[in-house]
Structure formats: C-alpha cells, structure tokens
Protein backbone atom coordinates (compact mmCIF):
# COMPACT_ATOMS: atom_id res chain seq x y z
CA MET A 1 94.52 114.44 101.68
CA GLN A 2 95.51 110.91 100.70
CA GLN A 3 98.70 109.57 102.25
CA THR A 4 101.83 109.37 100.09
CA LEU A 5 104.51 106.83 100.96
CA ILE A 6 108.10 108.02 101.25
CA ILE A 7 109.25 105.31 98.84
CA ASP A 8 107.05 106.94 96.16
CA LEU A 9 108.26 110.54 96.56
CA ALA A 10 110.02 110.59 93.19
CA GLN A 11 106.61 110.30 91.53
CA HIS A 12 105.28 113.41 93.31
CA LEU A 13 107.99 116.07 92.94
CA GLY A 14 106.48 119.55 92.98
CA GLU A 15 103.18 118.27 94.34
CA GLU A 16 101.57 118.89 97.70
CA ILE A 17 101.58 115.59 99.58
CA THR A 18 100.72 114.16 102.99
CA LEU A 19 103.08 111.87 104.86
CA LYS A 20 102.24 109.88 107.98
CA GLY A 21 104.92 108.41 110.20
CA TRP A 22 107.30 108.78 113.13
CA VAL A 23 110.12 111.14 114.08
CA ARG A 24 113.55 109.57 113.58
CA THR A 25 115.38 112.76 114.60
CA ILE A 26 114.42 116.38 115.17
CA ARG A 27 116.44 119.58 115.50
CA HIS A 28 115.72 123.28 115.18
CA SER A 29 117.87 126.25 114.32
CA GLY A 30 116.24 129.65 114.74
CA LYS A 31 113.18 129.72 112.54
CA LEU A 32 113.96 126.39 110.85
CA LEU A 33 112.88 122.96 112.04
CA PHE A 34 114.38 119.77 110.56
CA ILE A 35 112.50 116.49 111.06
CA VAL A 36 113.67 113.16 109.66
CA LEU A 37 110.41 111.28 109.19
CA ARG A 38 110.11 107.53 108.66
CA ASP A 39 107.00 105.64 107.58
CA GLY A 40 108.21 102.06 107.16
CA THR A 41 109.01 102.43 103.46
CA GLY A 42 111.85 104.89 103.96
CA GLU A 43 112.99 108.16 105.54
CA VAL A 44 112.89 111.76 104.38
CA GLN A 45 113.93 115.12 105.78
CA CYS A 46 111.04 117.51 106.35
CA VAL A 47 111.97 121.21 106.65
CA ALA A 48 109.58 123.60 108.39
CA PHE A 49 110.00 127.40 108.25
CA GLN A 50 108.31 129.34 111.06
CA PRO A 51 106.69 132.03 108.85
CA ASP A 52 105.14 129.33 106.65
CA LEU A 53 103.95 127.22 109.56
CA GLY A 54 102.81 129.98 111.89
CA GLU A 55 104.26 130.74 115.32
CA ALA A 56 101.82 128.59 117.34
CA ALA A 57 102.13 125.56 115.05
CA PHE A 58 105.91 125.98 114.94
CA ASP A 59 106.10 126.00 118.74
CA THR A 60 103.93 122.87 118.86
CA ALA A 61 106.15 121.14 116.34
CA LYS A 62 109.25 121.99 118.40
CA ARG A 63 107.76 119.91 121.25
CA LEU A 64 107.87 116.76 119.12
CA THR A 65 110.22 114.10 120.44
CA MET A 66 112.01 111.09 118.98
CA GLU A 67 109.42 108.47 117.87
CA SER A 68 106.49 110.87 118.10
CA SER A 69 103.87 110.08 115.48
CA LEU A 70 102.65 112.82 113.18
CA ILE A 71 101.07 113.83 109.88
CA VAL A 72 103.02 116.20 107.64
CA THR A 73 101.69 118.07 104.63
CA GLY A 74 104.08 119.82 102.28
CA THR A 75 105.72 119.91 98.87
CA ALA A 76 108.10 117.19 97.71
CA LYS A 77 111.29 118.42 96.03
CA PRO A 78 114.85 117.28 95.32
CA HIS A 79 117.22 117.47 98.27
CA GLN A 80 119.37 120.62 98.12
CA LYS A 81 122.63 118.83 98.96
CA GLN A 82 122.18 115.09 98.29
CA THR A 83 121.82 114.00 94.67
CA GLY A 84 119.04 111.49 94.15
CA GLN A 85 117.49 112.24 97.54
CA PHE A 86 114.36 114.22 98.35
CA GLU A 87 112.98 116.45 101.06
CA VAL A 88 109.67 118.00 101.95
CA ALA A 89 108.98 121.71 102.41
CA VAL A 90 106.46 121.59 105.25
CA LYS A 91 103.18 123.49 105.20
CA SER A 92 101.51 121.89 108.21
CA ILE A 93 102.35 119.43 111.00
CA GLN A 94 99.71 117.54 112.95
CA PRO A 95 101.01 115.56 115.94
CA VAL A 96 99.20 112.26 116.46
CA GLN A 97 100.97 111.39 119.71
CA ILE A 98 103.98 113.04 121.34
CA ALA A 99 106.15 110.19 122.61
CA GLU A 100 107.68 109.94 126.04
CA GLU A 101 111.46 109.97 126.30
CA TYR A 102 112.61 107.10 124.09
CA PRO A 103 114.71 104.54 126.00
CA ILE A 104 116.95 103.68 123.03
CA GLY A 105 119.19 106.61 122.25
CA LYS A 106 122.36 107.24 120.29
CA LYS A 107 124.58 105.94 123.09
CA GLU A 108 125.83 102.36 123.04
CA HIS A 109 123.47 99.78 124.53
CA GLY A 110 124.41 96.23 125.45
CA PRO A 111 122.79 93.25 123.68
CA ASP A 112 120.74 92.25 126.75
CA PHE A 113 119.20 95.72 126.96
CA LEU A 114 118.44 95.77 123.25
CA LEU A 115 116.95 92.27 123.31
CA SER A 116 114.76 93.16 126.31
CA ASN A 117 113.60 96.19 124.34
CA ARG A 118 113.34 94.32 121.05
CA HIS A 119 109.79 95.61 120.60
CA LEU A 120 111.33 99.09 120.25
CA TRP A 121 114.72 98.13 118.81
CA ILE A 122 113.16 96.85 115.58
CA ARG A 123 112.39 100.51 114.75
CA SER A 124 116.10 101.29 114.44
CA SER A 125 117.40 101.86 110.93
CA LYS A 126 119.65 98.77 110.83
CA GLN A 127 116.96 96.46 112.15
CA TRP A 128 114.54 97.98 109.64
CA ALA A 129 117.00 97.16 106.87
CA VAL A 130 117.61 93.58 108.02
CA LEU A 131 113.89 92.84 108.32
CA ARG A 132 113.23 94.21 104.85
CA ILE A 133 115.99 91.98 103.48
CA ARG A 134 114.36 89.07 105.32
CA HIS A 135 111.12 89.88 103.51
CA ALA A 136 112.92 89.95 100.15
CA VAL A 137 114.69 86.64 100.81
CA TYR A 138 111.46 84.93 101.89
CA TYR A 139 109.60 85.95 98.74
CA ALA A 140 112.56 85.24 96.47
CA ILE A 141 112.66 81.65 97.74
CA CYS A 142 108.92 81.28 97.18
CA ASP A 143 109.08 82.89 93.74
CA TYR A 144 111.85 80.56 92.58
CA LEU A 145 110.01 77.48 93.81
CA ASN A 146 106.68 78.60 92.36
CA GLN A 147 108.30 79.30 88.99
CA ASN A 148 109.83 75.81 89.01
CA HIS A 149 106.60 73.90 89.66
CA PHE A 150 106.95 73.35 93.42
CA ILE A 151 103.59 73.42 95.21
CA ARG A 152 103.14 74.79 98.73
CA PHE A 153 102.35 71.82 100.98
CA ASP A 154 102.11 72.79 104.65
CA SER A 155 103.40 70.24 107.13
CA PRO A 156 102.22 70.01 110.76
CA ILE A 157 104.04 71.74 113.60
CA LEU A 158 102.72 69.28 116.18
CA THR A 159 104.07 65.81 115.42
CA PRO A 160 103.99 62.40 117.14
CA ASN A 161 107.60 61.65 116.17
CA ALA A 162 110.76 63.24 114.85
CA CYS A 163 112.90 63.23 111.71
CA GLU A 164 116.12 62.50 113.55
CA GLY A 165 115.29 61.47 117.11
CA THR A 166 113.66 63.43 119.91
CA THR A 167 116.67 64.47 121.97
CA THR A 168 116.61 68.04 120.67
CA LEU A 169 112.84 68.50 120.43
CA PHE A 170 110.40 70.38 122.63
CA GLU A 171 108.02 67.85 124.15
CA LEU A 172 104.46 68.37 125.34
CA ASP A 173 101.44 66.34 126.46
CA TYR A 174 98.85 66.03 123.71
CA PHE A 175 95.48 65.41 125.39
CA ASP A 176 94.98 61.65 125.79
CA GLU A 177 97.22 60.76 122.86
CA GLY A 178 100.49 60.81 124.78
CA LYS A 179 103.57 62.81 123.91
CA ALA A 180 103.82 65.21 121.00
CA TYR A 181 106.69 67.33 119.76
CA LEU A 182 107.17 70.69 118.11
CA SER A 183 108.48 69.95 114.63
CA GLN A 184 112.13 70.42 113.75
CA SER A 185 111.48 69.78 110.04
CA GLY A 186 108.57 69.11 107.74
CA GLN A 187 110.62 66.80 105.56
CA LEU A 188 109.00 63.44 106.31
CA TYR A 189 105.53 64.83 105.70
CA LEU A 190 106.68 66.58 102.53
CA GLU A 191 107.76 63.24 101.10
CA THR A 192 104.09 62.21 101.13
CA GLY A 193 103.24 65.23 98.98
CA ILE A 194 105.55 64.38 96.10
CA MET A 195 103.54 61.24 95.36
CA SER A 196 100.56 63.51 94.75
CA LEU A 197 102.00 66.79 93.51
CA GLY A 198 105.45 65.93 92.17
CA ARG A 199 107.37 68.82 93.73
CA VAL A 200 106.41 70.39 97.05
CA TYR A 201 107.71 72.76 99.71
CA ASP A 202 106.72 74.12 103.08
CA PHE A 203 107.85 77.29 104.81
CA GLY A 204 107.26 77.92 108.46
CA PRO A 205 108.59 77.92 112.00
CA VAL A 206 110.48 74.92 113.34
CA PHE A 207 111.91 74.28 116.79
CA ARG A 208 115.10 72.71 118.12
CA ALA A 209 115.89 72.38 121.80
CA GLU A 210 119.65 72.41 121.32
CA ARG A 211 121.46 73.97 124.25
CA SER A 212 123.63 75.99 121.93
CA LYS A 213 124.72 79.57 122.52
CA THR A 214 126.54 80.27 119.26
CA ARG A 215 125.81 83.26 117.06
CA LYS A 216 124.28 80.92 114.45
CA HIS A 217 121.62 79.18 116.56
CA LEU A 218 118.03 79.92 117.53
CA THR A 219 115.55 77.62 119.24
CA GLU A 220 112.72 78.86 116.99
CA PHE A 221 113.47 79.68 113.39
CA TRP A 222 111.96 79.53 109.90
CA MET A 223 112.79 76.74 107.51
CA MET A 224 111.92 76.09 103.91
CA ASP A 225 111.93 72.37 103.15
CA ALA A 226 111.52 71.14 99.57
CA GLU A 227 111.08 67.64 98.12
CA ALA A 228 110.92 66.54 94.50
CA ALA A 229 110.04 63.24 92.82
CA PHE A 230 112.35 61.84 90.12
CA VAL A 231 115.15 64.18 91.22
CA GLU A 232 118.46 62.55 92.14
CA HIS A 233 121.52 63.79 93.98
CA ALA A 234 123.26 65.87 91.29
CA GLN A 235 120.06 67.54 90.13
CA ASN A 236 119.14 68.22 93.76
CA MET A 237 122.33 70.26 94.18
CA GLN A 238 121.65 72.03 90.88
CA ILE A 239 118.23 73.16 92.11
CA GLN A 240 119.75 74.42 95.36
CA GLU A 241 122.39 76.41 93.48
CA GLU A 242 119.82 77.95 91.15
CA LEU A 243 117.68 78.90 94.15
CA ILE A 244 120.48 80.63 96.07
CA ARG A 245 121.73 82.50 93.01
CA PHE A 246 118.13 83.62 92.35
CA VAL A 247 117.94 84.95 95.92
CA ILE A 248 121.26 86.80 95.59
CA ARG A 249 120.08 88.56 92.43
CA ARG A 250 116.72 89.48 93.96
CA VAL A 251 118.33 90.97 97.09
CA LEU A 252 120.81 93.00 95.05
CA GLU A 253 118.01 94.20 92.80
CA THR A 254 115.44 95.17 95.43
CA CYS A 255 117.43 95.95 98.59
CA ASP A 256 120.18 98.30 97.45
CA ALA A 257 119.29 100.98 100.03
CA GLU A 258 119.11 98.42 102.83
CA LEU A 259 122.45 96.86 101.90
CA THR A 260 124.03 100.32 101.72
CA LEU A 261 122.69 101.25 105.15
CA LEU A 262 124.14 98.03 106.59
CA GLU A 263 127.45 98.71 104.82
CA ARG A 264 127.19 95.28 103.20
CA ASP A 265 129.86 94.41 100.65
CA LYS A 266 127.68 94.14 97.55
CA GLU A 267 130.57 93.04 95.38
CA ALA A 268 131.01 89.98 97.58
CA LEU A 269 127.37 89.08 96.96
CA ARG A 270 127.76 89.64 93.22
CA ALA A 271 130.83 87.43 93.20
CA ALA A 272 128.84 84.64 94.87
CA ASP A 273 126.45 84.59 91.89
CA ALA A 274 128.71 82.22 89.96
CA PRO A 275 129.00 78.42 89.66
CA PHE A 276 129.35 76.88 93.11
CA LYS A 277 132.20 74.57 94.06
CA ILE A 278 131.60 70.90 94.90
CA MET A 279 133.92 68.90 97.17
CA THR A 280 133.50 65.45 98.68
CA HIS A 281 133.58 65.15 102.44
CA ARG A 282 136.86 63.25 102.22
CA ASP A 283 138.50 65.91 100.06
CA THR A 284 137.16 68.59 102.39
CA ILE A 285 138.77 66.95 105.42
CA ASP A 286 142.06 66.56 103.55
CA TYR A 287 141.96 70.22 102.53
CA LEU A 288 141.18 71.42 106.06
CA ARG A 289 143.97 69.33 107.54
CA SER A 290 146.39 70.79 104.98
CA LYS A 291 145.37 74.21 106.28
CA GLY A 292 146.12 73.30 109.89
CA SER A 293 142.78 72.00 111.15
CA GLU A 294 142.87 68.97 113.45
CA ILE A 295 139.56 67.63 112.09
CA THR A 296 139.54 63.90 111.38
CA HIS A 297 137.86 61.76 108.73
CA GLY A 298 134.38 60.77 109.77
CA SER A 299 133.79 64.06 111.60
CA ASP A 300 131.28 66.84 111.12
CA LEU A 301 132.58 70.33 110.46
CA GLY A 302 132.69 72.92 113.21
CA ALA A 303 132.21 76.66 112.72
CA ALA A 304 135.96 77.27 112.51
CA ASP A 305 136.28 74.59 109.83
CA GLU A 306 133.52 76.21 107.76
CA VAL A 307 135.33 79.55 107.93
CA LEU A 308 138.64 77.95 106.98
CA LEU A 309 137.09 76.07 104.08
CA THR A 310 135.59 79.13 102.42
CA GLN A 311 138.12 81.84 103.27
CA ASP A 312 139.60 81.77 99.76
CA SER A 313 136.35 81.01 97.93
CA PRO A 314 134.05 83.79 96.70
CA VAL A 315 131.26 81.26 96.04
CA PRO A 316 129.44 78.78 98.30
CA ILE A 317 130.83 75.25 98.49
CA PHE A 318 128.83 72.01 98.42
CA ILE A 319 130.27 69.28 100.63
CA GLU A 320 128.85 66.02 99.32
CA LYS A 321 129.02 62.28 100.03
CA TRP A 322 129.21 62.25 103.79
CA PRO A 323 129.97 59.24 106.01
CA LYS A 324 126.71 57.45 106.73
CA GLU A 325 127.42 57.40 110.50
CA ILE A 326 126.97 61.17 110.85
CA LYS A 327 123.93 61.57 108.63
CA ALA A 328 120.25 60.68 108.98
CA PHE A 329 118.74 57.23 108.41
CA TYR A 330 116.66 58.34 105.40
CA MET A 331 119.59 59.41 103.20
CA LYS A 332 120.33 57.18 100.22
CA ARG A 333 123.67 55.39 100.18
CA ASP A 334 126.20 56.08 97.43
CA PRO A 335 126.01 53.10 95.04
CA ASN A 336 129.79 53.39 94.53
CA ASP A 337 130.53 53.37 98.26
CA PRO A 338 127.84 52.18 100.72
CA ASP A 339 129.71 53.80 103.59
CA LEU A 340 128.74 57.20 102.16
CA VAL A 341 125.39 58.91 101.62
CA LEU A 342 124.24 60.99 98.66
CA GLY A 343 123.86 64.09 100.80
CA SER A 344 125.30 67.58 100.72
CA ASP A 345 125.68 70.65 102.89
CA LEU A 346 126.05 74.07 101.30
CA ILE A 347 128.54 76.34 103.07
CA ALA A 348 128.29 80.09 102.45
CA PRO A 349 131.44 82.16 101.94
CA GLU A 350 132.70 84.97 104.20
CA GLY A 351 132.42 82.76 107.28
CA PHE A 352 128.62 82.59 107.32
CA GLY A 353 128.56 78.79 107.50
CA GLU A 354 125.98 76.20 106.49
CA ILE A 355 122.83 77.50 104.82
CA ILE A 356 121.38 74.31 103.24
CA GLY A 357 121.33 70.62 104.04
CA GLY A 358 119.96 68.15 101.53
CA SER A 359 120.14 64.63 100.16
CA GLN A 360 118.69 62.03 97.90
CA ARG A 361 116.26 59.97 100.00
CA GLU A 362 116.25 56.21 100.36
CA ASP A 363 113.45 54.92 98.14
CA ASP A 364 113.84 51.16 98.79
CA TYR A 365 111.44 49.80 101.41
CA GLU A 366 113.63 46.98 102.69
CA LEU A 367 116.77 49.09 102.94
CA LEU A 368 114.98 51.85 104.81
CA LEU A 369 113.30 49.33 107.11
CA SER A 370 116.63 47.70 107.96
CA ARG A 371 118.18 51.06 108.86
CA MET A 372 115.29 52.01 111.07
CA LYS A 373 115.53 48.66 112.86
CA ALA A 374 119.28 49.14 113.30
CA GLU A 375 118.62 52.49 114.98
CA ASN A 376 115.86 50.98 117.19
CA MET A 377 113.27 53.37 115.82
CA PRO A 378 109.60 52.79 116.77
CA LEU A 379 108.40 51.26 113.52
CA ASP A 380 104.70 51.56 114.31
CA ASP A 381 105.08 55.34 114.60
CA TYR A 382 106.74 55.52 111.19
CA GLN A 383 104.67 52.98 109.27
CA TRP A 384 103.06 55.75 107.27
CA PHE A 385 106.54 56.89 106.19
CA LEU A 386 107.52 53.35 105.20
CA ASP A 387 104.28 53.03 103.22
CA LEU A 388 105.60 55.60 100.74
CA ARG A 389 108.15 52.99 99.63
CA LYS A 390 105.47 50.34 99.09
CA TYR A 391 103.08 52.16 96.78
CA GLY A 392 104.81 53.63 93.75
CA SER A 393 108.19 54.50 95.21
CA VAL A 394 110.47 56.62 93.00
CA PRO A 395 113.91 58.21 93.28
CA HIS A 396 113.48 61.51 95.09
CA SER A 397 115.49 64.20 96.85
CA GLY A 398 115.04 67.23 99.03
CA PHE A 399 116.72 69.97 101.02
CA GLY A 400 116.11 72.53 103.73
CA VAL A 401 117.06 76.22 103.80
CA GLY A 402 117.31 78.08 107.10
CA LEU A 403 115.78 81.50 106.45
CA GLU A 404 117.65 83.29 109.23
CA ARG A 405 120.99 81.75 108.21
CA LEU A 406 120.45 82.96 104.65
CA VAL A 407 119.36 86.43 105.77
CA THR A 408 122.44 86.66 107.99
CA TRP A 409 124.64 86.09 104.95
CA MET A 410 122.69 88.38 102.62
CA SER A 411 122.68 91.25 105.12
CA GLY A 412 126.19 90.68 106.49
CA ILE A 413 124.87 90.71 110.05
CA HIS A 414 127.14 89.05 112.62
CA HIS A 415 124.51 87.46 114.89
CA ILE A 416 121.47 85.49 113.78
CA ARG A 417 119.33 86.96 116.57
CA GLU A 418 119.00 90.18 114.53
CA THR A 419 117.43 88.45 111.53
CA ILE A 420 114.10 87.50 113.13
CA PRO A 421 111.64 89.91 114.75
CA PHE A 422 111.65 88.22 118.17
CA PRO A 423 114.56 85.79 118.67
CA ARG A 424 114.14 82.74 120.89
CA MET A 425 117.34 81.44 122.45
CA ILE A 426 118.26 79.32 125.46
CA TYR A 427 118.08 82.24 127.86
CA ARG A 428 115.74 84.51 125.95
CA ILE A 429 111.97 84.23 125.54
CA TYR A 430 111.01 87.87 126.38
CA PRO A 431 109.40 89.86 124.90
C-alpha cells in the first residue's frame, strides 16, 4: 500500500493507511501496545491490540526499541483524548530494522556529548522543530526576494581577497596561483551583478576564523547577501524591514506546531511584526549610557549593550549612521557628516542581537580609491571592484542576513549551534 505521511492524516480519517518511520517511544500494557511513530513530517500514536495483531506479531512488535524503523498499517482516526490530534488503530507492524540501545535517552546529557552525537541528536523533537523552522526561514527569505525582483547570483566561495581584510579568514594554497581564502561574504562579487541584473542576492555558506566562543558565533554559517542598484540608505532599511516582517509572518503561519513544541512565545513574534525603530549610533550610545552602560562614543556594541538596547522594545531596532572608523571601507559617507557612514545594523529584540548589517555603498571611483589607499589595500587585487565605479556607476546599497542568527530568534533557541545541522566552532569539527 502507498505510504501516507503523518502530516496528511487529517485527509485520511477512517481509511486504512500505511505509515513508514521510526519509534519515538514504545510502551505496552497487557494486550495493548502504544508506539509513538515519527516520519519526519510529524508524530502520531499507533495503538496495537493483541487480538487484532495476532500473538506472534504482537510479541515481535514488543521487541521494538527506541529508533527502530518500521512500517505500520492501520486505520486513521481522531485521538480519543486530545482534540485536533489523531491516532492509528494498528492492523499490522513490519519491522524494518530493530535498533540497538539508543545512546541518547531521557536523562540529561551535556552539550559536548550531544554535539559529539549530533548525527543522532538531530532526531530529537526539539532539534527537528528548529531545523524545520530553519527551512521555513530560508525559503521565506528567498520568496520575499524573488517576489521583489532580486535575482539569484551565486558568488564564489574561494576568493583571492577579502571584503574586510584577511585576519579572520581561512587561508589555503591554491595550486600555483598563491593564497586563496574561504569567503566571509559574497558582497563584493554581488555588486558586479547589479550592473547586469539590477537586484541580486546570494545564499550560501561563508566562513570566519574568529576565535570567538560566544553563543552567537559559528566559524561556518549561512549568509544571504543582497545588493540593489538605485537603492539608497533609507530604502535599503525599508527593504530589510519588509523582509524580516515577511519572515516573521511566514514562520507564524507555517511553523505553529514547531513553535509550540519549543515553547516559543508567539505573541513576542507577532509584536515584532510592526514598524521598526531607527536610532542613530550617537543616540544609541547616549541611551545606553543613560541606562548604565560604560560604552563610549565611537565604539561598537557588545552583546550586553544589544540586550540593554532592546529590553523595552518589542520590535527590532536599526542603528544607523555609524562612525566611519569602525565600519568597512566601501560604505558611503553621510553627506551631512563625513565622519559617519550610511550604514545600519538591525538588532533583534529579546536579547537575540544583530541579525542584519547593511549600508549604502560608495559609488564614486576617486573616493573609494582614496580610502583603499589609506588602508594600504592591494589595489591590483581589487581593480575589478574599482572598475564598477568607472563604467556606469550608480547609487546602490546592500545588506547581509545571517540565517542562523535569524533562526535563533525565530525559534527562541539560546545557542546558535542548535540552528545548523552540523555546527563548526573553534573546538568542534566532529562529526
């Protein structure tokens, strides 16, 4: 019989169906056997009665263990005790493989043990929920961009240079061509695409060799970078806000069961789907200092500052117009104050920190050249990037969204390592 997915059970009530999956839990009481079966789309309780199954088949089924794989045939019906839920009255059980004793049980396990057994841990219900939310966030970002005329434009992972210096990049020897680096951003290459396609984005893994051990850092993560021609600073922030609010609505719409399982505060997410706040960097520093922070003007924000900034705000906050000294060479200066750049960081509420960085890009050849010289950048390596300002340069802007950072906020998970199938951190590259 054709397989039915658990997520589709409501369409098959009263019908005989076949489910294929794995044992989440199993218990028996006299002549009754209760199996919680999962198949990747959801979970359902399967109830087997010995007289219906037959004594030999019932005894075989009782030998099933946690994570055993099996095929169940039975009748789908409403759950006797849980409104809106379903169960299956079992007619036959066919074991596919009876699993050995599963190493991850109900007892508490430390993070090192769980990370070393990540290949098994991702089967747990909470990890299942987080990874499904990740899937929803990824496609929501792509859907918004596709609906707003951004074209997928894949940038290289192996690069001969870096966006912002090579001190935090992974370096390797590239045949006879010298040094190459694993990309930390596709931004510079994306800027070439806007001269052809108008609006472009990429979405893929990027790498940063920062020796950071915070709960918000990975050495390998997924980034969506977008660039758009004829878009200036204010419109750039507008696009970012529309994108994030689109993602919030999509997650609430499609991941209700996952959010419930994770005990995520859905009302907090709904509250974030409202006009975002905008503060200048200077006003942000003044506000933080009024709240007791010792941060000084001209400084970047630390994690504690991001928490303090948003603790009374239900919506994300844009921090715009940063001091030029702490931002990248390619950011356009504020025409009203050349000591500032037309850049912004978007800080999520509830203490989840920065989720987007963006700016208007410098479109003047001579200004960009002078900045690169001032920073002693190897001009020959970046001549192709400078060329963009010689042949039809236009005002343009862009931004980058860290997928794992955004998933952390959407799911309410404390540590970013749980938002990617196999996290890579300073002291973790297995499995």
